[in-house]
Structures are given as C-alpha cells and as structure tokens.
Amino acid sequence: MAGEEMEAERARAKDEQGPRRRFEGVVALSESGRERDRTRVVREAAPAPGEAGDLERILAEVYHALQEKGYDPVRQLAFYLLTGEPAYITAHRGARSLVTKLERDEVLQFLLRFYLSRRSPAE
C-alpha cells in the first residue's frame, strides 16, 4: 500500500511541475552552402521527483561559493532569480555554471512550495 501511495505522490508532483523547456541546436545549410545555426525550443517531460535533490544540491553549492567570496548569498540569488543575469553569481567553484543549469521559474516554484509547506496553518 505504501508503494502505491508513493507512486501516486510522484505522479501528482510530476503533473504540478509541467513541461520543461530545452534548447536544441540544429545546423542547416543555406542555399549558398554555408552552415547556419537554427536553435529551437523543444519541450521535454517534467523532471523526475529525484531532480529536486539536484536543485537543492546546486542551490547549496552556489550559496556556499557566494558565502566564501564574502557576498550576501540570499541577496545575490534573489537578484539572479529576478533578472536572470548570471553576473550576480560568482564563478568561484563553478557556481555560475551550476546555477545557469537551473530553470529560474522552477527554482522559484520550489522555494515557494518549500516556504508554504513550512508555514503553520494558523498564519
């Protein structure tokens, strides 16, 4: 019975997250024979429930890298999430390349779900 409940929870979580976007580069030849890059957006399946752990791990690594460099991690991450400008994240310890692997809207959804799940119902 517990296994069925876990599968139902996974399916529900997968449905809530919706489709993810991914860019796929396509090289096409122009009439003159030169290559042209055609990038298109491709829809793919929602991330598996285990990928939330990857999101948490990446956020923790970025947080620690920002802290090590003397920045206010919460402020820097908030500005990155609002603007999408990777310059708000240090390149120290590969933090910038890690954070750009994440979809900003998915990070915001994760953070909101986390915050709302921790609030008491009386508030």
PDB file of N, CA and C in Angstrom:
ATOM      1  N   MET A   1       0.821  -1.198   0.000  1.00  0.00           N
ATOM      2  CA  MET A   1       0.000   0.000   0.000  1.00  0.00           C
ATOM      3  C   MET A   1       0.862   1.258   0.000  1.00  0.00           C
ATOM      4  N   ALA A   2       1.948   1.264   0.774  1.00  0.00           N
ATOM      5  CA  ALA A   2       2.812   2.443   0.842  1.00  0.00           C
ATOM      6  C   ALA A   2       3.451   2.725  -0.507  1.00  0.00           C
ATOM      7  N   GLY A   3       3.790   1.672  -1.254  1.00  0.00           N
ATOM      8  CA  GLY A   3       4.378   1.837  -2.581  1.00  0.00           C
ATOM      9  C   GLY A   3       3.430   2.523  -3.551  1.00  0.00           C
ATOM     10  N   GLU A   4       2.141   2.158  -3.474  1.00  0.00           N
ATOM     11  CA  GLU A   4       1.141   2.776  -4.347  1.00  0.00           C
ATOM     12  C   GLU A   4       0.976   4.251  -4.011  1.00  0.00           C
ATOM     13  N   GLU A   5       1.010   4.577  -2.714  1.00  0.00           N
ATOM     14  CA  GLU A   5       0.881   5.972  -2.298  1.00  0.00           C
ATOM     15  C   GLU A   5       2.065   6.791  -2.778  1.00  0.00           C
ATOM     16  N   MET A   6       3.273   6.210  -2.723  1.00  0.00           N
ATOM     17  CA  MET A   6       4.459   6.916  -3.190  1.00  0.00           C
ATOM     18  C   MET A   6       4.368   7.183  -4.696  1.00  0.00           C
ATOM     19  N   GLU A   7       3.898   6.188  -5.460  1.00  0.00           N
ATOM     20  CA  GLU A   7       3.759   6.355  -6.905  1.00  0.00           C
ATOM     21  C   GLU A   7       2.725   7.437  -7.223  1.00  0.00           C
ATOM     22  N   ALA A   8       1.636   7.459  -6.483  1.00  0.00           N
ATOM     23  CA  ALA A   8       0.604   8.478  -6.685  1.00  0.00           C
ATOM     24  C   ALA A   8       1.152   9.864  -6.371  1.00  0.00           C
ATOM     25  N   GLU A   9       1.943   9.978  -5.312  1.00  0.00           N
ATOM     26  CA  GLU A   9       2.557  11.260  -4.942  1.00  0.00           C
ATOM     27  C   GLU A   9       3.538  11.713  -6.019  1.00  0.00           C
ATOM     28  N   ARG A  10       4.328  10.785  -6.542  1.00  0.00           N
ATOM     29  CA  ARG A  10       5.278  11.126  -7.609  1.00  0.00           C
ATOM     30  C   ARG A  10       4.541  11.612  -8.857  1.00  0.00           C
ATOM     31  N   ALA A  11       3.465  10.932  -9.212  1.00  0.00           N
ATOM     32  CA  ALA A  11       2.691  11.328 -10.390  1.00  0.00           C
ATOM     33  C   ALA A  11       2.079  12.709 -10.189  1.00  0.00           C
ATOM     34  N   ARG A  12       1.574  12.971  -8.988  1.00  0.00           N
ATOM     35  CA  ARG A  12       0.990  14.284  -8.691  1.00  0.00           C
ATOM     36  C   ARG A  12       2.048  15.375  -8.785  1.00  0.00           C
ATOM     37  N   ALA A  13       3.225  15.139  -8.216  1.00  0.00           N
ATOM     38  CA  ALA A  13       4.310  16.125  -8.249  1.00  0.00           C
ATOM     39  C   ALA A  13       4.765  16.377  -9.678  1.00  0.00           C
ATOM     40  N   LYS A  14       4.801  15.329 -10.485  1.00  0.00           N
ATOM     41  CA  LYS A  14       5.223  15.455 -11.873  1.00  0.00           C
ATOM     42  C   LYS A  14       4.223  16.306 -12.647  1.00  0.00           C
ATOM     43  N   ASP A  15       2.918  16.106 -12.401  1.00  0.00           N
ATOM     44  CA  ASP A  15       1.890  16.878 -13.079  1.00  0.00           C
ATOM     45  C   ASP A  15       1.943  18.346 -12.695  1.00  0.00           C
ATOM     46  N   GLU A  16       2.262  18.646 -11.434  1.00  0.00           N
ATOM     47  CA  GLU A  16       2.311  20.024 -10.959  1.00  0.00           C
ATOM     48  C   GLU A  16       3.430  20.809 -11.613  1.00  0.00           C
ATOM     49  N   GLN A  17       4.532  20.151 -11.923  1.00  0.00           N
ATOM     50  CA  GLN A  17       5.686  20.868 -12.436  1.00  0.00           C
ATOM     51  C   GLN A  17       5.540  21.258 -13.894  1.00  0.00           C
ATOM     52  N   GLY A  18       4.751  20.550 -14.659  1.00  0.00           N
ATOM     53  CA  GLY A  18       4.535  20.891 -16.058  1.00  0.00           C
ATOM     54  C   GLY A  18       5.755  20.607 -16.920  1.00  0.00           C
ATOM     55  N   PRO A  19       5.669  20.942 -18.212  1.00  0.00           N
ATOM     56  CA  PRO A  19       6.784  20.643 -19.116  1.00  0.00           C
ATOM     57  C   PRO A  19       7.961  21.589 -18.898  1.00  0.00           C
ATOM     58  N   ARG A  20       9.145  21.077 -19.145  1.00  0.00           N
ATOM     59  CA  ARG A  20      10.348  21.890 -19.070  1.00  0.00           C
ATOM     60  C   ARG A  20      10.731  22.303 -20.482  1.00  0.00           C
ATOM     61  N   ARG A  21      11.466  23.389 -20.578  1.00  0.00           N
ATOM     62  CA  ARG A  21      11.952  23.828 -21.868  1.00  0.00           C
ATOM     63  C   ARG A  21      13.405  23.427 -22.018  1.00  0.00           C
ATOM     64  N   ARG A  22      13.773  23.104 -23.237  1.00  0.00           N
ATOM     65  CA  ARG A  22      15.150  22.761 -23.532  1.00  0.00           C
ATOM     66  C   ARG A  22      15.441  23.308 -24.919  1.00  0.00           C
ATOM     67  N   PHE A  23      16.647  23.822 -25.112  1.00  0.00           N
ATOM     68  CA  PHE A  23      17.023  24.342 -26.411  1.00  0.00           C
ATOM     69  C   PHE A  23      17.824  23.293 -27.151  1.00  0.00           C
ATOM     70  N   GLU A  24      17.524  23.147 -28.401  1.00  0.00           N
ATOM     71  CA  GLU A  24      18.211  22.166 -29.212  1.00  0.00           C
ATOM     72  C   GLU A  24      18.768  22.879 -30.430  1.00  0.00           C
ATOM     73  N   GLY A  25      20.079  22.789 -30.627  1.00  0.00           N
ATOM     74  CA  GLY A  25      20.715  23.428 -31.767  1.00  0.00           C
ATOM     75  C   GLY A  25      20.569  22.566 -33.006  1.00  0.00           C
ATOM     76  N   VAL A  26      20.216  23.183 -34.092  1.00  0.00           N
ATOM     77  CA  VAL A  26      20.064  22.482 -35.358  1.00  0.00           C
ATOM     78  C   VAL A  26      20.907  23.237 -36.381  1.00  0.00           C
ATOM     79  N   VAL A  27      21.760  22.536 -37.069  1.00  0.00           N
ATOM     80  CA  VAL A  27      22.583  23.162 -38.102  1.00  0.00           C
ATOM     81  C   VAL A  27      21.929  22.883 -39.444  1.00  0.00           C
ATOM     82  N   ALA A  28      21.728  23.939 -40.202  1.00  0.00           N
ATOM     83  CA  ALA A  28      21.120  23.802 -41.521  1.00  0.00           C
ATOM     84  C   ALA A  28      22.044  24.445 -42.549  1.00  0.00           C
ATOM     85  N   LEU A  29      21.991  23.972 -43.749  1.00  0.00           N
ATOM     86  CA  LEU A  29      22.787  24.565 -44.818  1.00  0.00           C
ATOM     87  C   LEU A  29      21.940  25.593 -45.552  1.00  0.00           C
ATOM     88  N   SER A  30      22.517  26.772 -45.758  1.00  0.00           N
ATOM     89  CA  SER A  30      21.813  27.786 -46.529  1.00  0.00           C
ATOM     90  C   SER A  30      21.965  27.458 -48.008  1.00  0.00           C
ATOM     91  N   GLU A  31      21.299  28.231 -48.856  1.00  0.00           N
ATOM     92  CA  GLU A  31      21.374  27.983 -50.287  1.00  0.00           C
ATOM     93  C   GLU A  31      22.799  28.145 -50.800  1.00  0.00           C
ATOM     94  N   SER A  32      23.590  29.001 -50.145  1.00  0.00           N
ATOM     95  CA  SER A  32      24.968  29.215 -50.586  1.00  0.00           C
ATOM     96  C   SER A  32      25.900  28.105 -50.091  1.00  0.00           C
ATOM     97  N   GLY A  33      25.382  27.181 -49.303  1.00  0.00           N
ATOM     98  CA  GLY A  33      26.189  26.072 -48.823  1.00  0.00           C
ATOM     99  C   GLY A  33      26.843  26.327 -47.475  1.00  0.00           C
ATOM    100  N   ARG A  34      26.659  27.520 -46.926  1.00  0.00           N
ATOM    101  CA  ARG A  34      27.241  27.819 -45.617  1.00  0.00           C
ATOM    102  C   ARG A  34      26.307  27.307 -44.527  1.00  0.00           C
ATOM    103  N   GLU A  35      26.911  26.890 -43.416  1.00  0.00           N
ATOM    104  CA  GLU A  35      26.102  26.387 -42.299  1.00  0.00           C
ATOM    105  C   GLU A  35      25.482  27.557 -41.549  1.00  0.00           C
ATOM    106  N   ARG A  36      24.235  27.361 -41.147  1.00  0.00           N
ATOM    107  CA  ARG A  36      23.551  28.330 -40.291  1.00  0.00           C
ATOM    108  C   ARG A  36      23.052  27.594 -39.073  1.00  0.00           C
ATOM    109  N   ASP A  37      23.105  28.260 -37.939  1.00  0.00           N
ATOM    110  CA  ASP A  37      22.633  27.659 -36.697  1.00  0.00           C
ATOM    111  C   ASP A  37      21.171  28.023 -36.506  1.00  0.00           C
ATOM    112  N   ARG A  38      20.359  27.034 -36.344  1.00  0.00           N
ATOM    113  CA  ARG A  38      18.949  27.263 -36.047  1.00  0.00           C
ATOM    114  C   ARG A  38      18.682  26.636 -34.687  1.00  0.00           C
ATOM    115  N   THR A  39      18.415  27.488 -33.721  1.00  0.00           N
ATOM    116  CA  THR A  39      18.127  26.996 -32.381  1.00  0.00           C
ATOM    117  C   THR A  39      16.627  27.052 -32.185  1.00  0.00           C
ATOM    118  N   ARG A  40      16.088  25.970 -31.670  1.00  0.00           N
ATOM    119  CA  ARG A  40      14.645  25.928 -31.443  1.00  0.00           C
ATOM    120  C   ARG A  40      14.382  25.406 -30.044  1.00  0.00           C
ATOM    121  N   VAL A  41      13.221  25.752 -29.539  1.00  0.00           N
ATOM    122  CA  VAL A  41      12.813  25.300 -28.218  1.00  0.00           C
ATOM    123  C   VAL A  41      12.110  23.967 -28.367  1.00  0.00           C
ATOM    124  N   VAL A  42      12.516  23.012 -27.553  1.00  0.00           N
ATOM    125  CA  VAL A  42      11.936  21.679 -27.582  1.00  0.00           C
ATOM    126  C   VAL A  42      11.349  21.399 -26.210  1.00  0.00           C
ATOM    127  N   ARG A  43      10.136  20.911 -26.178  1.00  0.00           N
ATOM    128  CA  ARG A  43       9.511  20.542 -24.909  1.00  0.00           C
ATOM    129  C   ARG A  43       9.951  19.149 -24.524  1.00  0.00           C
ATOM    130  N   GLU A  44      10.209  18.950 -23.249  1.00  0.00           N
ATOM    131  CA  GLU A  44      10.535  17.615 -22.773  1.00  0.00           C
ATOM    132  C   GLU A  44       9.732  17.348 -21.514  1.00  0.00           C
ATOM    133  N   ALA A  45       9.762  16.141 -21.069  1.00  0.00           N
ATOM    134  CA  ALA A  45       8.978  15.727 -19.907  1.00  0.00           C
ATOM    135  C   ALA A  45       9.407  16.494 -18.660  1.00  0.00           C
ATOM    136  N   ALA A  46       8.500  16.588 -17.710  1.00  0.00           N
ATOM    137  CA  ALA A  46       8.806  17.229 -16.432  1.00  0.00           C
ATOM    138  C   ALA A  46       9.909  16.457 -15.730  1.00  0.00           C
ATOM    139  N   PRO A  47      10.682  17.147 -14.892  1.00  0.00           N
ATOM    140  CA  PRO A  47      11.775  16.460 -14.199  1.00  0.00           C
ATOM    141  C   PRO A  47      11.243  15.406 -13.248  1.00  0.00           C
ATOM    142  N   ALA A  48      12.012  14.368 -13.091  1.00  0.00           N
ATOM    143  CA  ALA A  48      11.641  13.314 -12.144  1.00  0.00           C
ATOM    144  C   ALA A  48      11.697  13.865 -10.734  1.00  0.00           C
ATOM    145  N   PRO A  49      10.918  13.286  -9.806  1.00  0.00           N
ATOM    146  CA  PRO A  49      10.924  13.787  -8.444  1.00  0.00           C
ATOM    147  C   PRO A  49      12.314  13.814  -7.811  1.00  0.00           C
ATOM    148  N   GLY A  50      13.211  12.940  -8.207  1.00  0.00           N
ATOM    149  CA  GLY A  50      14.558  12.918  -7.657  1.00  0.00           C
ATOM    150  C   GLY A  50      15.384  14.130  -8.039  1.00  0.00           C
ATOM    151  N   GLU A  51      14.959  14.856  -9.094  1.00  0.00           N
ATOM    152  CA  GLU A  51      15.707  16.023  -9.532  1.00  0.00           C
ATOM    153  C   GLU A  51      15.588  17.189  -8.565  1.00  0.00           C
ATOM    154  N   ALA A  52      14.600  17.177  -7.685  1.00  0.00           N
ATOM    155  CA  ALA A  52      14.506  18.231  -6.674  1.00  0.00           C
ATOM    156  C   ALA A  52      15.739  18.190  -5.788  1.00  0.00           C
ATOM    157  N   GLY A  53      16.282  16.998  -5.561  1.00  0.00           N
ATOM    158  CA  GLY A  53      17.508  16.866  -4.796  1.00  0.00           C
ATOM    159  C   GLY A  53      18.668  17.529  -5.507  1.00  0.00           C
ATOM    160  N   ASP A  54      18.701  17.445  -6.852  1.00  0.00           N
ATOM    161  CA  ASP A  54      19.734  18.130  -7.618  1.00  0.00           C
ATOM    162  C   ASP A  54      19.599  19.639  -7.462  1.00  0.00           C
ATOM    163  N   LEU A  55      18.378  20.136  -7.505  1.00  0.00           N
ATOM    164  CA  LEU A  55      18.139  21.554  -7.338  1.00  0.00           C
ATOM    165  C   LEU A  55      18.630  22.013  -5.970  1.00  0.00           C
ATOM    166  N   GLU A  56      18.303  21.259  -4.940  1.00  0.00           N
ATOM    167  CA  GLU A  56      18.748  21.606  -3.590  1.00  0.00           C
ATOM    168  C   GLU A  56      20.270  21.584  -3.489  1.00  0.00           C
ATOM    169  N   ARG A  57      20.889  20.580  -4.096  1.00  0.00           N
ATOM    170  CA  ARG A  57      22.346  20.453  -4.046  1.00  0.00           C
ATOM    171  C   ARG A  57      23.005  21.632  -4.755  1.00  0.00           C
ATOM    172  N   ILE A  58      22.498  22.005  -5.924  1.00  0.00           N
ATOM    173  CA  ILE A  58      23.067  23.113  -6.675  1.00  0.00           C
ATOM    174  C   ILE A  58      22.896  24.417  -5.914  1.00  0.00           C
ATOM    175  N   LEU A  59      21.712  24.646  -5.358  1.00  0.00           N
ATOM    176  CA  LEU A  59      21.498  25.871  -4.586  1.00  0.00           C
ATOM    177  C   LEU A  59      22.436  25.943  -3.384  1.00  0.00           C
ATOM    178  N   ALA A  60      22.644  24.816  -2.723  1.00  0.00           N
ATOM    179  CA  ALA A  60      23.547  24.797  -1.563  1.00  0.00           C
ATOM    180  C   ALA A  60      24.986  25.093  -1.991  1.00  0.00           C
ATOM    181  N   GLU A  61      25.423  24.512  -3.095  1.00  0.00           N
ATOM    182  CA  GLU A  61      26.789  24.762  -3.569  1.00  0.00           C
ATOM    183  C   GLU A  61      26.985  26.222  -3.963  1.00  0.00           C
ATOM    184  N   VAL A  62      26.001  26.789  -4.646  1.00  0.00           N
ATOM    185  CA  VAL A  62      26.079  28.192  -5.052  1.00  0.00           C
ATOM    186  C   VAL A  62      26.077  29.084  -3.815  1.00  0.00           C
ATOM    187  N   TYR A  63      25.228  28.771  -2.855  1.00  0.00           N
ATOM    188  CA  TYR A  63      25.150  29.532  -1.608  1.00  0.00           C
ATOM    189  C   TYR A  63      26.511  29.561  -0.906  1.00  0.00           C
ATOM    190  N   HIS A  64      27.147  28.396  -0.786  1.00  0.00           N
ATOM    191  CA  HIS A  64      28.436  28.322  -0.100  1.00  0.00           C
ATOM    192  C   HIS A  64      29.536  29.045  -0.876  1.00  0.00           C
ATOM    193  N   ALA A  65      29.503  28.966  -2.194  1.00  0.00           N
ATOM    194  CA  ALA A  65      30.502  29.671  -3.005  1.00  0.00           C
ATOM    195  C   ALA A  65      30.359  31.184  -2.832  1.00  0.00           C
ATOM    196  N   LEU A  66      29.129  31.673  -2.826  1.00  0.00           N
ATOM    197  CA  LEU A  66      28.899  33.104  -2.621  1.00  0.00           C
ATOM    198  C   LEU A  66      29.361  33.532  -1.227  1.00  0.00           C
ATOM    199  N   GLN A  67      29.078  32.702  -0.246  1.00  0.00           N
ATOM    200  CA  GLN A  67      29.477  32.990   1.131  1.00  0.00           C
ATOM    201  C   GLN A  67      31.002  33.044   1.259  1.00  0.00           C
ATOM    202  N   GLU A  68      31.685  32.101   0.619  1.00  0.00           N
ATOM    203  CA  GLU A  68      33.148  32.061   0.670  1.00  0.00           C
ATOM    204  C   GLU A  68      33.773  33.327   0.083  1.00  0.00           C
ATOM    205  N   LYS A  69      33.145  33.885  -0.931  1.00  0.00           N
ATOM    206  CA  LYS A  69      33.674  35.091  -1.564  1.00  0.00           C
ATOM    207  C   LYS A  69      33.251  36.366  -0.840  1.00  0.00           C
ATOM    208  N   GLY A  70      32.464  36.231   0.231  1.00  0.00           N
ATOM    209  CA  GLY A  70      32.086  37.394   1.033  1.00  0.00           C
ATOM    210  C   GLY A  70      30.822  38.095   0.590  1.00  0.00           C
ATOM    211  N   TYR A  71      30.054  37.485  -0.301  1.00  0.00           N
ATOM    212  CA  TYR A  71      28.791  38.075  -0.750  1.00  0.00           C
ATOM    213  C   TYR A  71      27.653  37.651   0.171  1.00  0.00           C
ATOM    214  N   ASP A  72      26.542  38.395   0.090  1.00  0.00           N
ATOM    215  CA  ASP A  72      25.315  38.002   0.782  1.00  0.00           C
ATOM    216  C   ASP A  72      24.583  37.031  -0.159  1.00  0.00           C
ATOM    217  N   PRO A  73      24.629  35.721   0.116  1.00  0.00           N
ATOM    218  CA  PRO A  73      24.089  34.734  -0.820  1.00  0.00           C
ATOM    219  C   PRO A  73      22.603  34.904  -1.124  1.00  0.00           C
ATOM    220  N   VAL A  74      21.817  35.241  -0.124  1.00  0.00           N
ATOM    221  CA  VAL A  74      20.373  35.384  -0.342  1.00  0.00           C
ATOM    222  C   VAL A  74      20.106  36.538  -1.295  1.00  0.00           C
ATOM    223  N   ARG A  75      20.766  37.650  -1.068  1.00  0.00           N
ATOM    224  CA  ARG A  75      20.574  38.824  -1.928  1.00  0.00           C
ATOM    225  C   ARG A  75      21.022  38.530  -3.363  1.00  0.00           C
ATOM    226  N   GLN A  76      22.194  37.924  -3.517  1.00  0.00           N
ATOM    227  CA  GLN A  76      22.722  37.639  -4.846  1.00  0.00           C
ATOM    228  C   GLN A  76      21.822  36.659  -5.600  1.00  0.00           C
ATOM    229  N   LEU A  77      21.388  35.601  -4.920  1.00  0.00           N
ATOM    230  CA  LEU A  77      20.498  34.632  -5.566  1.00  0.00           C
ATOM    231  C   LEU A  77      19.153  35.263  -5.919  1.00  0.00           C
ATOM    232  N   ALA A  78      18.635  36.111  -5.041  1.00  0.00           N
ATOM    233  CA  ALA A  78      17.360  36.772  -5.316  1.00  0.00           C
ATOM    234  C   ALA A  78      17.468  37.651  -6.558  1.00  0.00           C
ATOM    235  N   PHE A  79      18.536  38.435  -6.663  1.00  0.00           N
ATOM    236  CA  PHE A  79      18.705  39.280  -7.843  1.00  0.00           C
ATOM    237  C   PHE A  79      18.900  38.440  -9.103  1.00  0.00           C
ATOM    238  N   TYR A  80      19.619  37.331  -8.992  1.00  0.00           N
ATOM    239  CA  TYR A  80      19.771  36.452 -10.154  1.00  0.00           C
ATOM    240  C   TYR A  80      18.414  35.903 -10.591  1.00  0.00           C
ATOM    241  N   LEU A  81      17.608  35.446  -9.635  1.00  0.00           N
ATOM    242  CA  LEU A  81      16.308  34.872  -9.970  1.00  0.00           C
ATOM    243  C   LEU A  81      15.376  35.919 -10.575  1.00  0.00           C
ATOM    244  N   LEU A  82      15.472  37.159 -10.112  1.00  0.00           N
ATOM    245  CA  LEU A  82      14.612  38.220 -10.639  1.00  0.00           C
ATOM    246  C   LEU A  82      15.035  38.674 -12.034  1.00  0.00           C
ATOM    247  N   THR A  83      16.340  38.777 -12.265  1.00  0.00           N
ATOM    248  CA  THR A  83      16.822  39.355 -13.513  1.00  0.00           C
ATOM    249  C   THR A  83      17.301  38.332 -14.534  1.00  0.00           C
ATOM    250  N   GLY A  84      17.779  37.186 -14.072  1.00  0.00           N
ATOM    251  CA  GLY A  84      18.359  36.210 -14.987  1.00  0.00           C
ATOM    252  C   GLY A  84      19.788  36.536 -15.362  1.00  0.00           C
ATOM    253  N   GLU A  85      20.361  37.556 -14.764  1.00  0.00           N
ATOM    254  CA  GLU A  85      21.724  37.989 -15.063  1.00  0.00           C
ATOM    255  C   GLU A  85      22.720  37.143 -14.283  1.00  0.00           C
ATOM    256  N   PRO A  86      23.488  36.272 -14.949  1.00  0.00           N
ATOM    257  CA  PRO A  86      24.412  35.387 -14.239  1.00  0.00           C
ATOM    258  C   PRO A  86      25.570  36.112 -13.553  1.00  0.00           C
ATOM    259  N   ALA A  87      25.779  37.388 -13.868  1.00  0.00           N
ATOM    260  CA  ALA A  87      26.859  38.139 -13.230  1.00  0.00           C
ATOM    261  C   ALA A  87      26.627  38.308 -11.731  1.00  0.00           C
ATOM    262  N   TYR A  88      25.399  38.109 -11.265  1.00  0.00           N
ATOM    263  CA  TYR A  88      25.128  38.185  -9.824  1.00  0.00           C
ATOM    264  C   TYR A  88      25.715  36.987  -9.077  1.00  0.00           C
ATOM    265  N   ILE A  89      26.091  35.944  -9.802  1.00  0.00           N
ATOM    266  CA  ILE A  89      26.629  34.734  -9.185  1.00  0.00           C
ATOM    267  C   ILE A  89      28.114  34.633  -9.492  1.00  0.00           C
ATOM    268  N   THR A  90      28.901  34.380  -8.478  1.00  0.00           N
ATOM    269  CA  THR A  90      30.342  34.261  -8.655  1.00  0.00           C
ATOM    270  C   THR A  90      30.694  33.022  -9.471  1.00  0.00           C
ATOM    271  N   ALA A  91      31.819  33.108 -10.175  1.00  0.00           N
ATOM    272  CA  ALA A  91      32.312  31.949 -10.926  1.00  0.00           C
ATOM    273  C   ALA A  91      33.123  31.030 -10.007  1.00  0.00           C
ATOM    274  N   HIS A  92      33.351  31.448  -8.772  1.00  0.00           N
ATOM    275  CA  HIS A  92      34.104  30.668  -7.793  1.00  0.00           C
ATOM    276  C   HIS A  92      33.456  29.291  -7.622  1.00  0.00           C
ATOM    277  N   ARG A  93      34.280  28.256  -7.685  1.00  0.00           N
ATOM    278  CA  ARG A  93      33.842  26.866  -7.513  1.00  0.00           C
ATOM    279  C   ARG A  93      32.781  26.440  -8.548  1.00  0.00           C
ATOM    280  N   GLY A  94      32.765  27.103  -9.693  1.00  0.00           N
ATOM    281  CA  GLY A  94      31.835  26.743 -10.762  1.00  0.00           C
ATOM    282  C   GLY A  94      30.384  27.094 -10.469  1.00  0.00           C
ATOM    283  N   ALA A  95      30.162  28.010  -9.519  1.00  0.00           N
ATOM    284  CA  ALA A  95      28.793  28.333  -9.102  1.00  0.00           C
ATOM    285  C   ALA A  95      27.962  28.916 -10.236  1.00  0.00           C
ATOM    286  N   ARG A  96      28.563  29.775 -11.047  1.00  0.00           N
ATOM    287  CA  ARG A  96      27.798  30.406 -12.132  1.00  0.00           C
ATOM    288  C   ARG A  96      27.334  29.371 -13.146  1.00  0.00           C
ATOM    289  N   SER A  97      28.203  28.461 -13.516  1.00  0.00           N
ATOM    290  CA  SER A  97      27.795  27.449 -14.495  1.00  0.00           C
ATOM    291  C   SER A  97      26.766  26.496 -13.902  1.00  0.00           C
ATOM    292  N   LEU A  98      26.863  26.231 -12.604  1.00  0.00           N
ATOM    293  CA  LEU A  98      25.865  25.369 -11.961  1.00  0.00           C
ATOM    294  C   LEU A  98      24.486  26.016 -11.957  1.00  0.00           C
ATOM    295  N   VAL A  99      24.430  27.282 -11.556  1.00  0.00           N
ATOM    296  CA  VAL A  99      23.129  27.936 -11.406  1.00  0.00           C
ATOM    297  C   VAL A  99      22.464  28.155 -12.760  1.00  0.00           C
ATOM    298  N   THR A 100      23.244  28.309 -13.816  1.00  0.00           N
ATOM    299  CA  THR A 100      22.623  28.503 -15.130  1.00  0.00           C
ATOM    300  C   THR A 100      22.040  27.213 -15.694  1.00  0.00           C
ATOM    301  N   LYS A 101      22.330  26.089 -15.066  1.00  0.00           N
ATOM    302  CA  LYS A 101      21.716  24.811 -15.477  1.00  0.00           C
ATOM    303  C   LYS A 101      20.276  24.715 -15.001  1.00  0.00           C
ATOM    304  N   LEU A 102      19.907  25.552 -14.041  1.00  0.00           N
ATOM    305  CA  LEU A 102      18.561  25.508 -13.467  1.00  0.00           C
ATOM    306  C   LEU A 102      17.626  26.443 -14.216  1.00  0.00           C
ATOM    307  N   GLU A 103      16.376  26.060 -14.296  1.00  0.00           N
ATOM    308  CA  GLU A 103      15.335  26.941 -14.819  1.00  0.00           C
ATOM    309  C   GLU A 103      14.909  27.852 -13.676  1.00  0.00           C
ATOM    310  N   ARG A 104      14.971  29.156 -13.878  1.00  0.00           N
ATOM    311  CA  ARG A 104      14.654  30.094 -12.793  1.00  0.00           C
ATOM    312  C   ARG A 104      13.232  29.926 -12.280  1.00  0.00           C
ATOM    313  N   ASP A 105      12.272  29.699 -13.176  1.00  0.00           N
ATOM    314  CA  ASP A 105      10.887  29.551 -12.729  1.00  0.00           C
ATOM    315  C   ASP A 105      10.717  28.305 -11.859  1.00  0.00           C
ATOM    316  N   GLU A 106      11.469  27.244 -12.164  1.00  0.00           N
ATOM    317  CA  GLU A 106      11.383  26.030 -11.345  1.00  0.00           C
ATOM    318  C   GLU A 106      11.986  26.262  -9.960  1.00  0.00           C
ATOM    319  N   VAL A 107      13.053  27.059  -9.893  1.00  0.00           N
ATOM    320  CA  VAL A 107      13.659  27.377  -8.594  1.00  0.00           C
ATOM    321  C   VAL A 107      12.667  28.170  -7.759  1.00  0.00           C
ATOM    322  N   LEU A 108      12.020  29.161  -8.365  1.00  0.00           N
ATOM    323  CA  LEU A 108      11.030  29.953  -7.630  1.00  0.00           C
ATOM    324  C   LEU A 108       9.863  29.092  -7.151  1.00  0.00           C
ATOM    325  N   GLN A 109       9.393  28.183  -8.002  1.00  0.00           N
ATOM    326  CA  GLN A 109       8.307  27.284  -7.596  1.00  0.00           C
ATOM    327  C   GLN A 109       8.741  26.410  -6.424  1.00  0.00           C
ATOM    328  N   PHE A 110       9.950  25.878  -6.512  1.00  0.00           N
ATOM    329  CA  PHE A 110      10.477  25.034  -5.437  1.00  0.00           C
ATOM    330  C   PHE A 110      10.554  25.824  -4.129  1.00  0.00           C
ATOM    331  N   LEU A 111      11.107  27.037  -4.187  1.00  0.00           N
ATOM    332  CA  LEU A 111      11.258  27.846  -2.978  1.00  0.00           C
ATOM    333  C   LEU A 111       9.900  28.216  -2.371  1.00  0.00           C
ATOM    334  N   LEU A 112       8.927  28.544  -3.227  1.00  0.00           N
ATOM    335  CA  LEU A 112       7.593  28.862  -2.716  1.00  0.00           C
ATOM    336  C   LEU A 112       6.932  27.651  -2.073  1.00  0.00           C
ATOM    337  N   ARG A 113       7.034  26.504  -2.735  1.00  0.00           N
ATOM    338  CA  ARG A 113       6.458  25.287  -2.148  1.00  0.00           C
ATOM    339  C   ARG A 113       7.114  24.971  -0.805  1.00  0.00           C
ATOM    340  N   PHE A 114       8.430  25.107  -0.758  1.00  0.00           N
ATOM    341  CA  PHE A 114       9.165  24.839   0.475  1.00  0.00           C
ATOM    342  C   PHE A 114       8.706  25.778   1.584  1.00  0.00           C
ATOM    343  N   TYR A 115       8.633  27.069   1.278  1.00  0.00           N
ATOM    344  CA  TYR A 115       8.225  28.059   2.274  1.00  0.00           C
ATOM    345  C   TYR A 115       6.792  27.817   2.753  1.00  0.00           C
ATOM    346  N   LEU A 116       5.890  27.610   1.808  1.00  0.00           N
ATOM    347  CA  LEU A 116       4.479  27.422   2.173  1.00  0.00           C
ATOM    348  C   LEU A 116       4.245  26.117   2.927  1.00  0.00           C
ATOM    349  N   SER A 117       5.035  25.092   2.644  1.00  0.00           N
ATOM    350  CA  SER A 117       4.861  23.824   3.355  1.00  0.00           C
ATOM    351  C   SER A 117       5.349  23.906   4.802  1.00  0.00           C
ATOM    352  N   ARG A 118       6.207  24.881   5.097  1.00  0.00           N
ATOM    353  CA  ARG A 118       6.758  25.030   6.452  1.00  0.00           C
ATOM    354  C   ARG A 118       5.946  25.985   7.324  1.00  0.00           C
ATOM    355  N   ARG A 119       5.058  26.747   6.715  1.00  0.00           N
ATOM    356  CA  ARG A 119       4.244  27.701   7.476  1.00  0.00           C
ATOM    357  C   ARG A 119       3.162  26.948   8.241  1.00  0.00           C
ATOM    358  N   SER A 120       2.852  27.437   9.419  1.00  0.00           N
ATOM    359  CA  SER A 120       1.774  26.822  10.182  1.00  0.00           C
ATOM    360  C   SER A 120       0.438  27.263   9.582  1.00  0.00           C
ATOM    361  N   PRO A 121      -0.584  26.417   9.653  1.00  0.00           N
ATOM    362  CA  PRO A 121      -1.896  26.766   9.059  1.00  0.00           C
ATOM    363  C   PRO A 121      -2.553  27.971   9.699  1.00  0.00           C
ATOM    364  N   ALA A 122      -2.183  28.313  10.945  1.00  0.00           N
ATOM    365  CA  ALA A 122      -2.815  29.426  11.650  1.00  0.00           C
ATOM    366  C   ALA A 122      -2.353  30.766  11.112  1.00  0.00           C
ATOM    367  N   GLU A 123      -1.228  30.824  10.406  1.00  0.00           N
ATOM    368  CA  GLU A 123      -0.701  32.105   9.925  1.00  0.00           C
ATOM    369  C   GLU A 123      -1.447  32.622   8.739  1.00  0.00           C
TER     370      GLU A 123
END
